[in-house]
Amino acid sequence: MIVSPTPLLSRYAECMMWLARQMERMENLARLLEVTETFVRNADGQTAWDSILAINTDEHFFAQLHSAVNHAAIVPFYVTETRNPASLVSLAQAVRENARAVRPLVSIELWTQLNVFSRNLLNLKNEDMSAHNLAELCTRVRQDCQTHFGIAEGTLYHDQAWLFYRLGKALERSDQITRLIDIRYHMLLPQSEIPGSEIDITQWTSVLRSAAAYHAFRRLRPVTLSPANIVGFLLKNDGFPRSLSTNLRQIDETLTLLASHDNLRQRCSPLLECVTELRASLLDQTAEEIIIRGLHDYMNWIQIQLRDLQNAIAATFWPAPMQPEYHMNHSYFQEQN
């Protein structure tokens, strides 16, 4: 990878990171909506829409706007509800603003694709969200997000802006996989079952599908499908691009590349220490040990560490303004401390 020494504006770094995080979040959300409607059922055999609220910690916010947890309320809440900053439409608006802010850094191909993508979402109609059309809508969103990442990979210059884009994508994937495992595992584990026991195979395949991991998992384990195997694959498999292990490694590698710039080395050192601790904690335990010791507690700890890491990155590279005129003169990363 060739990394230019050209200094990068703090504003550009922040926008590139969030552009990647928001696009990854949209792809995950679209897949989650589609898989939940098709595969995920509660004890009464009804679609477990409440699991999406739990994964995104939106229960309280949703209750302020809607009284019933069903398709008619959940789908618009996560697709077109502008009051929800995590809806597809709200994220599309945020993506468009971040792309506009970094317009000098992105290719014509990427700029064009993002404009068409966001415009299509902003023009959605009620019938596009019907039970009959939801799968088609979600598939289209996922494919558009994947197209975006392919264009970004093939056209963005690999300088500091690219590194922050890559960092945002890995952070979002790490956060999303831990949320998915935490909520879906405990939702599928009956009260009478002990951790690690065999549970309904059909329901557990929904966990893999929600992470786009079904086919990769079945290639490695064509017969054996158990909660411990699934949790281990999603957390620790270094060959699966959405596993926690893979994305923590990518965060480590990206921060190391940033630290290779002389004036960024000291800034990156505390961040790298945090990532090293996370990777060591994952390496030192088997999936079975994590489940027995407390999967929820471990996933919650990982999520807190990731949140703190994101906050530390922000404080390091785009700190809050100390004076009103700060935003008029954005600092460069390579300024002396």
Protein backbone atom coordinates (compact mmCIF):
# COMPACT_ATOMS: atom_id res chain seq x y z
CA MET A 1 0.00 0.00 0.00
CA ILE A 2 1.36 3.42 -1.00
CA VAL A 3 0.51 6.10 1.53
CA SER A 4 1.09 9.72 0.65
CA PRO A 5 2.74 11.95 3.27
CA THR A 6 0.42 14.79 2.26
CA PRO A 7 -1.27 16.16 5.41
CA LEU A 8 -5.01 15.63 5.74
CA LEU A 9 -7.58 18.02 7.14
CA SER A 10 -9.24 16.82 10.35
CA ARG A 11 -12.64 17.51 8.80
CA TYR A 12 -11.82 15.25 5.86
CA ALA A 13 -10.64 12.42 8.12
CA GLU A 14 -13.81 12.56 10.20
CA CYS A 15 -16.08 12.59 7.14
CA MET A 16 -14.24 9.70 5.48
CA MET A 17 -14.53 7.56 8.60
CA TRP A 18 -18.24 8.23 9.02
CA LEU A 19 -18.94 7.79 5.32
CA ALA A 20 -17.61 4.22 5.58
CA ARG A 21 -19.37 3.53 8.87
CA GLN A 22 -22.71 4.76 7.56
CA MET A 23 -22.51 2.75 4.35
CA GLU A 24 -21.59 -0.38 6.30
CA ARG A 25 -24.44 0.31 8.74
CA MET A 26 -26.91 0.60 5.88
CA GLU A 27 -25.85 -2.72 4.40
CA ASN A 28 -26.11 -4.42 7.79
CA LEU A 29 -29.52 -2.91 8.46
CA ALA A 30 -30.92 -3.97 5.09
CA ARG A 31 -29.69 -7.52 5.60
CA LEU A 32 -31.07 -7.58 9.15
CA LEU A 33 -34.53 -6.46 8.03
CA GLU A 34 -34.65 -9.05 5.27
CA VAL A 35 -33.38 -11.96 7.37
CA THR A 36 -35.61 -11.10 10.32
CA GLU A 37 -38.76 -11.05 8.23
CA THR A 38 -37.87 -14.32 6.51
CA PHE A 39 -36.29 -16.44 9.24
CA VAL A 40 -36.44 -15.00 12.75
CA ARG A 41 -39.40 -16.06 14.89
CA ASN A 42 -40.21 -15.66 18.58
CA ALA A 43 -41.69 -18.29 20.90
CA ASP A 44 -45.17 -17.62 19.48
CA GLY A 45 -44.04 -18.16 15.91
CA GLN A 46 -44.31 -14.46 15.04
CA THR A 47 -41.63 -12.41 13.32
CA ALA A 48 -39.25 -11.22 16.05
CA TRP A 49 -39.13 -7.56 15.03
CA ASP A 50 -38.22 -6.62 18.59
CA SER A 51 -34.81 -8.25 18.09
CA ILE A 52 -33.85 -5.49 15.62
CA LEU A 53 -34.74 -2.86 18.20
CA ALA A 54 -32.59 -4.68 20.76
CA ILE A 55 -29.61 -5.03 18.42
CA ASN A 56 -29.69 -1.28 17.73
CA THR A 57 -30.67 -0.36 21.34
CA ASP A 58 -33.68 1.53 19.98
CA GLU A 59 -36.39 0.12 22.25
CA HIS A 60 -37.02 3.30 24.23
CA PHE A 61 -36.83 5.62 21.22
CA PHE A 62 -39.17 3.42 19.19
CA ALA A 63 -41.70 3.28 22.04
CA GLN A 64 -41.88 7.07 22.03
CA LEU A 65 -43.04 7.01 18.40
CA HIS A 66 -45.00 3.77 18.05
CA SER A 67 -47.19 1.58 20.24
CA ALA A 68 -47.01 -1.73 18.33
CA VAL A 69 -43.92 -3.71 17.38
CA ASN A 70 -44.92 -5.11 13.98
CA HIS A 71 -44.07 -4.85 10.28
CA ALA A 72 -46.22 -1.76 9.76
CA ALA A 73 -44.25 0.16 12.40
CA ILE A 74 -40.75 -1.36 12.37
CA VAL A 75 -40.08 -1.28 8.62
CA PRO A 76 -40.89 2.43 8.09
CA PHE A 77 -39.04 3.23 11.33
CA TYR A 78 -35.86 1.72 9.91
CA VAL A 79 -36.37 2.67 6.25
CA THR A 80 -37.99 6.10 5.83
CA GLU A 81 -38.45 7.58 9.32
CA THR A 82 -36.52 10.86 9.27
CA ARG A 83 -36.89 11.22 13.04
CA ASN A 84 -34.79 8.08 13.37
CA PRO A 85 -31.12 8.95 12.63
CA ALA A 86 -30.44 5.26 12.04
CA SER A 87 -33.05 4.77 9.30
CA LEU A 88 -31.90 4.09 5.75
CA VAL A 89 -33.18 7.47 4.56
CA SER A 90 -31.48 9.36 7.41
CA LEU A 91 -28.24 7.49 6.81
CA ALA A 92 -28.48 8.22 3.07
CA GLN A 93 -28.78 11.92 3.84
CA ALA A 94 -25.77 11.74 6.17
CA VAL A 95 -23.77 9.83 3.54
CA ARG A 96 -24.55 12.47 0.95
CA GLU A 97 -23.39 15.27 3.27
CA ASN A 98 -20.17 13.48 4.18
CA ALA A 99 -19.47 12.73 0.53
CA ARG A 100 -20.05 16.38 -0.36
CA ALA A 101 -17.63 17.44 2.38
CA VAL A 102 -14.87 15.24 0.94
CA ARG A 103 -15.72 15.82 -2.72
CA PRO A 104 -12.08 16.76 -3.57
CA LEU A 105 -10.95 13.33 -2.34
CA VAL A 106 -13.45 10.97 -3.97
CA SER A 107 -13.49 9.76 -7.54
CA ILE A 108 -16.12 10.74 -10.09
CA GLU A 109 -17.31 7.13 -10.15
CA LEU A 110 -17.81 7.03 -6.39
CA TRP A 111 -19.48 10.46 -6.30
CA THR A 112 -21.92 9.46 -9.05
CA GLN A 113 -22.79 6.14 -7.45
CA LEU A 114 -23.46 7.76 -4.07
CA ASN A 115 -25.70 10.39 -5.63
CA VAL A 116 -27.81 7.81 -7.47
CA PHE A 117 -27.93 5.54 -4.41
CA SER A 118 -29.04 8.27 -1.99
CA ARG A 119 -31.56 9.68 -4.45
CA ASN A 120 -33.18 6.26 -4.90
CA LEU A 121 -33.60 5.91 -1.15
CA LEU A 122 -34.96 9.41 -0.70
CA ASN A 123 -37.58 8.66 -3.38
CA LEU A 124 -38.93 5.51 -1.71
CA LYS A 125 -42.70 5.08 -1.55
CA ASN A 126 -44.88 3.24 0.95
CA GLU A 127 -45.48 0.33 -1.41
CA ASP A 128 -41.73 -0.26 -1.61
CA MET A 129 -41.83 -1.27 2.07
CA SER A 130 -44.76 -3.68 1.88
CA ALA A 131 -44.24 -7.26 2.99
CA HIS A 132 -44.33 -8.30 -0.65
CA ASN A 133 -41.59 -5.84 -1.72
CA LEU A 134 -39.37 -5.64 1.36
CA ALA A 135 -36.98 -8.42 0.34
CA GLU A 136 -36.45 -6.81 -3.06
CA LEU A 137 -35.81 -3.41 -1.47
CA CYS A 138 -33.32 -4.84 1.03
CA THR A 139 -31.49 -6.79 -1.67
CA ARG A 140 -31.17 -3.65 -3.77
CA VAL A 141 -29.80 -1.65 -0.83
CA ARG A 142 -27.28 -4.36 0.03
CA GLN A 143 -26.09 -4.61 -3.56
CA ASP A 144 -25.77 -0.84 -3.86
CA CYS A 145 -23.69 -0.73 -0.66
CA GLN A 146 -21.49 -3.54 -1.93
CA THR A 147 -21.09 -1.70 -5.23
CA HIS A 148 -20.03 1.38 -3.28
CA PHE A 149 -17.32 -0.53 -1.41
CA GLY A 150 -16.08 -2.06 -4.65
CA ILE A 151 -15.83 1.35 -6.33
CA ALA A 152 -14.12 2.80 -3.25
CA GLU A 153 -11.59 -0.03 -3.23
CA GLY A 154 -10.87 0.41 -6.93
CA THR A 155 -10.80 4.20 -7.25
CA LEU A 156 -9.88 5.91 -3.96
CA TYR A 157 -6.24 6.94 -3.69
CA HIS A 158 -4.57 5.05 -0.83
CA ASP A 159 -3.48 7.98 1.31
CA GLN A 160 -4.50 9.05 4.82
CA ALA A 161 -8.09 9.62 3.71
CA TRP A 162 -8.28 6.00 2.58
CA LEU A 163 -6.89 4.84 5.91
CA PHE A 164 -9.63 6.62 7.84
CA TYR A 165 -12.25 5.22 5.46
CA ARG A 166 -10.87 1.73 6.06
CA LEU A 167 -10.76 2.36 9.80
CA GLY A 168 -14.43 3.38 9.88
CA LYS A 169 -15.52 0.29 7.96
CA ALA A 170 -13.66 -2.06 10.32
CA LEU A 171 -14.96 -0.29 13.43
CA GLU A 172 -18.55 -0.56 12.23
CA ARG A 173 -18.21 -4.23 11.35
CA SER A 174 -16.70 -4.98 14.77
CA ASP A 175 -19.53 -3.20 16.55
CA GLN A 176 -22.29 -4.76 14.45
CA ILE A 177 -21.06 -8.35 14.80
CA THR A 178 -20.90 -8.13 18.60
CA ARG A 179 -24.40 -6.64 18.79
CA LEU A 180 -25.79 -9.32 16.52
CA ILE A 181 -24.22 -12.20 18.45
CA ASP A 182 -25.24 -10.80 21.83
CA ILE A 183 -28.92 -10.20 21.07
CA ARG A 184 -29.64 -13.10 18.76
CA TYR A 185 -27.86 -15.66 20.98
CA HIS A 186 -29.85 -14.80 24.06
CA MET A 187 -33.08 -14.45 22.13
CA LEU A 188 -32.67 -17.96 20.72
CA LEU A 189 -31.56 -19.57 23.98
CA PRO A 190 -34.69 -20.93 25.74
CA GLN A 191 -34.97 -20.35 29.47
CA SER A 192 -34.60 -24.09 30.16
CA GLU A 193 -31.45 -24.46 28.07
CA ILE A 194 -27.91 -24.11 29.34
CA PRO A 195 -25.36 -22.04 27.44
CA GLY A 196 -23.79 -24.02 24.62
CA SER A 197 -26.61 -26.53 24.22
CA GLU A 198 -28.11 -27.45 20.87
CA ILE A 199 -30.85 -25.05 19.79
CA ASP A 200 -33.18 -24.91 16.80
CA ILE A 201 -30.91 -25.15 13.77
CA THR A 202 -33.24 -23.17 11.54
CA GLN A 203 -33.16 -20.22 13.89
CA TRP A 204 -29.40 -20.35 14.23
CA THR A 205 -28.94 -20.19 10.49
CA SER A 206 -30.63 -16.77 10.71
CA VAL A 207 -27.70 -15.55 12.82
CA LEU A 208 -25.28 -16.59 10.11
CA ARG A 209 -27.42 -15.06 7.38
CA SER A 210 -27.70 -11.79 9.33
CA ALA A 211 -23.91 -11.59 9.24
CA ALA A 212 -23.65 -12.69 5.57
CA ALA A 213 -21.77 -15.70 6.93
CA TYR A 214 -23.98 -18.68 6.06
CA HIS A 215 -22.14 -19.92 2.97
CA ALA A 216 -18.68 -19.28 4.39
CA PHE A 217 -19.58 -21.17 7.58
CA ARG A 218 -21.07 -24.12 5.70
CA ARG A 219 -17.92 -24.41 3.58
CA LEU A 220 -15.90 -25.00 6.74
CA ARG A 221 -18.51 -26.94 8.71
CA PRO A 222 -20.90 -28.59 6.25
CA VAL A 223 -22.42 -30.87 8.94
CA THR A 224 -21.73 -29.50 12.41
CA LEU A 225 -23.85 -26.49 13.31
CA SER A 226 -23.98 -25.53 16.97
CA PRO A 227 -24.15 -22.26 18.94
CA ALA A 228 -20.49 -22.58 20.00
CA ASN A 229 -19.35 -23.19 16.42
CA ILE A 230 -21.33 -20.21 15.14
CA VAL A 231 -20.15 -17.87 17.88
CA GLY A 232 -16.57 -19.03 17.37
CA PHE A 233 -16.77 -18.48 13.62
CA LEU A 234 -18.23 -14.96 13.92
CA LEU A 235 -15.80 -13.92 16.64
CA LYS A 236 -12.55 -15.70 15.92
CA ASN A 237 -12.31 -16.86 12.29
CA ASP A 238 -9.53 -14.94 10.55
CA GLY A 239 -10.72 -15.87 7.07
CA PHE A 240 -14.22 -14.40 7.32
CA PRO A 241 -14.25 -10.65 6.43
CA ARG A 242 -16.91 -9.71 9.00
CA SER A 243 -15.57 -11.60 11.99
CA LEU A 244 -14.49 -9.65 15.04
CA SER A 245 -10.97 -11.07 14.78
CA THR A 246 -10.55 -10.01 11.16
CA ASN A 247 -11.74 -6.47 11.78
CA LEU A 248 -9.70 -5.95 14.92
CA ARG A 249 -6.67 -7.00 12.88
CA GLN A 250 -7.59 -4.49 10.18
CA ILE A 251 -8.00 -1.73 12.76
CA ASP A 252 -4.57 -2.63 14.14
CA GLU A 253 -2.99 -2.62 10.66
CA THR A 254 -4.62 0.68 9.70
CA LEU A 255 -3.57 2.46 12.88
CA THR A 256 -0.05 1.07 12.38
CA LEU A 257 0.04 2.59 8.89
CA LEU A 258 -1.12 5.92 10.30
CA ALA A 259 1.56 5.68 12.97
CA SER A 260 4.20 5.27 10.27
CA HIS A 261 3.87 9.02 9.66
CA ASP A 262 6.41 10.59 12.00
CA ASN A 263 4.14 13.21 13.52
CA LEU A 264 1.30 10.73 14.07
CA ARG A 265 3.31 8.04 15.90
CA GLN A 266 2.75 9.37 19.41
CA ARG A 267 -0.93 10.02 18.72
CA CYS A 268 -1.53 6.45 17.54
CA SER A 269 0.35 4.64 20.32
CA PRO A 270 -2.48 4.74 22.94
CA LEU A 271 -4.99 3.67 20.28
CA LEU A 272 -2.84 0.71 19.27
CA GLU A 273 -2.53 -0.35 22.91
CA CYS A 274 -6.30 -0.51 23.20
CA VAL A 275 -6.60 -2.65 20.06
CA THR A 276 -3.81 -4.95 21.26
CA GLU A 277 -5.73 -5.58 24.48
CA LEU A 278 -8.91 -6.38 22.56
CA ARG A 279 -7.12 -8.80 20.24
CA ALA A 280 -5.35 -10.52 23.14
CA SER A 281 -8.60 -11.04 25.05
CA LEU A 282 -10.17 -12.68 21.99
CA LEU A 283 -7.14 -14.86 21.28
CA ASP A 284 -6.83 -16.12 24.86
CA GLN A 285 -10.32 -17.69 24.99
CA THR A 286 -12.13 -20.36 23.03
CA ALA A 287 -15.73 -19.77 21.97
CA GLU A 288 -16.88 -22.35 24.52
CA GLU A 289 -15.03 -20.52 27.31
CA ILE A 290 -16.52 -17.19 26.25
CA ILE A 291 -20.05 -18.65 26.34
CA ILE A 292 -19.59 -20.36 29.70
CA ARG A 293 -17.98 -17.32 31.33
CA GLY A 294 -20.72 -15.06 30.01
CA LEU A 295 -21.19 -14.18 26.37
CA HIS A 296 -23.33 -11.12 27.11
CA ASP A 297 -20.81 -9.63 29.52
CA TYR A 298 -17.97 -10.17 27.07
CA MET A 299 -19.88 -8.70 24.12
CA ASN A 300 -20.87 -5.73 26.27
CA TRP A 301 -17.23 -5.19 27.27
CA ILE A 302 -16.13 -5.33 23.62
CA GLN A 303 -18.79 -2.79 22.63
CA ILE A 304 -17.70 -0.42 25.41
CA GLN A 305 -14.06 -0.75 24.31
CA LEU A 306 -15.01 -0.05 20.69
CA ARG A 307 -17.01 3.00 21.71
CA ASP A 308 -14.10 4.27 23.78
CA LEU A 309 -11.75 3.62 20.87
CA GLN A 310 -13.97 5.62 18.50
CA ASN A 311 -14.09 8.47 21.03
CA ALA A 312 -10.31 8.31 21.45
CA ILE A 313 -9.81 8.47 17.68
CA ALA A 314 -12.07 11.52 17.53
CA ALA A 315 -10.27 13.20 20.42
CA THR A 316 -6.91 12.46 18.81
CA PHE A 317 -7.56 13.52 15.23
CA TRP A 318 -10.53 15.91 15.27
CA PRO A 319 -10.81 17.26 18.83
CA ALA A 320 -13.73 19.45 19.82
CA PRO A 321 -13.13 23.13 19.07
CA MET A 322 -11.66 25.16 21.91
CA GLN A 323 -12.64 28.49 20.36
CA PRO A 324 -15.39 29.54 17.93
CA GLU A 325 -12.90 30.26 15.16
CA TYR A 326 -11.34 26.77 15.35
CA HIS A 327 -13.52 25.36 12.57
CA MET A 328 -12.44 28.20 10.28
CA ASN A 329 -8.86 26.93 10.39
CA HIS A 330 -8.89 23.13 10.48
CA SER A 331 -5.76 21.63 11.97
CA TYR A 332 -3.53 19.34 9.97
CA PHE A 333 -2.59 15.95 11.30
CA GLN A 334 1.04 16.60 10.77
CA GLU A 335 1.24 19.74 12.83
CA GLN A 336 3.56 19.51 15.80
CA ASN A 337 1.84 18.87 19.13
